[in-house]
Amino acid sequence: MRKTILAWISISLLGLAACQKPASVPELDGAMATPVKGIPVSQKIEPQENYCLSCHSNQEQLIAAAKPEEEVEAESSGAG
């Protein structure tokens, strides 16, 4: 009986809370709209060489650096 009454009270409070007006949001008075001085807006960024792309796109260098494939024995062969 107590659980039922507690459940109804909880549902009623949640329902009443949903009917409340949303909290008001304070308006900005322009203090946040002023730009920060001393920080450059745009900087000239020079493109850097992409070493990964230059290395991995060179077919001859890939073949020279490739590890030779090792011959793998089957698990059923060998001593034992």
Protein backbone atom coordinates (compact mmCIF):
# COMPACT_ATOMS: atom_id res chain seq x y z
CA MET A 1 0.00 0.00 0.00
CA ARG A 2 2.83 2.39 0.87
CA LYS A 3 4.67 1.61 -2.37
CA THR A 4 1.55 2.40 -4.37
CA ILE A 5 1.04 5.72 -2.61
CA LEU A 6 4.73 6.58 -2.99
CA ALA A 7 4.58 5.72 -6.69
CA TRP A 8 1.52 7.98 -7.23
CA ILE A 9 3.17 10.85 -5.39
CA SER A 10 6.36 10.45 -7.43
CA ILE A 11 4.43 10.39 -10.72
CA SER A 12 2.43 13.45 -9.66
CA LEU A 13 5.58 15.40 -8.76
CA LEU A 14 7.21 14.49 -12.05
CA GLY A 15 4.08 15.57 -13.92
CA LEU A 16 3.97 18.90 -12.09
CA ALA A 17 7.70 19.45 -12.69
CA ALA A 18 7.14 18.95 -16.42
CA CYS A 19 4.59 21.78 -16.43
CA GLN A 20 7.05 24.34 -15.07
CA LYS A 21 8.37 27.14 -17.29
CA PRO A 22 11.94 26.58 -18.51
CA ALA A 23 14.66 28.46 -16.70
CA SER A 24 15.43 31.84 -18.19
CA VAL A 25 18.76 32.25 -19.95
CA PRO A 26 20.56 35.51 -19.17
CA GLU A 27 21.22 37.66 -22.21
CA LEU A 28 24.75 38.75 -23.00
CA ASP A 29 25.44 42.45 -22.79
CA GLY A 30 28.04 42.36 -25.56
CA ALA A 31 30.99 41.53 -23.32
CA MET A 32 31.52 38.20 -25.05
CA ALA A 33 31.12 39.68 -28.54
CA THR A 34 34.38 41.68 -28.45
CA PRO A 35 37.29 39.99 -30.23
CA VAL A 36 40.43 39.12 -28.28
CA LYS A 37 43.35 41.27 -29.35
CA GLY A 38 46.85 39.95 -29.80
CA ILE A 39 45.87 36.67 -31.44
CA PRO A 40 46.26 36.68 -35.22
CA VAL A 41 43.10 35.62 -37.01
CA SER A 42 44.88 33.91 -39.84
CA GLN A 43 48.44 32.76 -40.18
CA LYS A 44 50.18 31.72 -43.33
CA ILE A 45 50.87 28.02 -42.92
CA GLU A 46 53.39 26.59 -45.29
CA PRO A 47 52.63 23.05 -46.45
CA GLN A 48 55.03 20.48 -45.07
CA GLU A 49 56.29 17.48 -46.98
CA ASN A 50 54.29 14.37 -46.23
CA TYR A 51 57.03 11.83 -45.59
CA CYS A 52 54.57 9.00 -45.10
CA LEU A 53 52.99 9.50 -48.49
CA SER A 54 56.31 9.95 -50.29
CA CYS A 55 57.72 6.76 -48.72
CA HIS A 56 54.67 4.54 -49.09
CA SER A 57 53.94 5.58 -52.67
CA ASN A 58 57.47 4.71 -53.91
CA GLN A 59 57.09 1.17 -55.29
CA GLU A 60 60.84 0.49 -55.61
CA GLN A 61 61.52 1.53 -52.02
CA LEU A 62 58.65 -0.64 -50.78
CA ILE A 63 60.01 -3.70 -52.58
CA ALA A 64 63.55 -3.05 -51.28
CA ALA A 65 62.34 -2.66 -47.68
CA ALA A 66 59.91 -5.59 -47.78
CA LYS A 67 60.59 -8.49 -45.45
CA PRO A 68 61.03 -11.77 -47.36
CA GLU A 69 58.23 -14.24 -46.79
CA GLU A 70 59.16 -17.11 -44.50
CA GLU A 71 58.13 -20.63 -45.31
CA VAL A 72 55.73 -21.86 -42.63
CA GLU A 73 55.67 -25.53 -41.73
CA ALA A 74 52.36 -27.22 -41.21
CA GLU A 75 51.63 -28.14 -37.61
CA SER A 76 51.16 -31.78 -38.51
CA SER A 77 54.68 -32.15 -39.94
CA GLY A 78 57.98 -32.29 -38.09
CA ALA A 79 59.37 -34.33 -35.21
CA GLY A 80 57.07 -35.59 -32.49
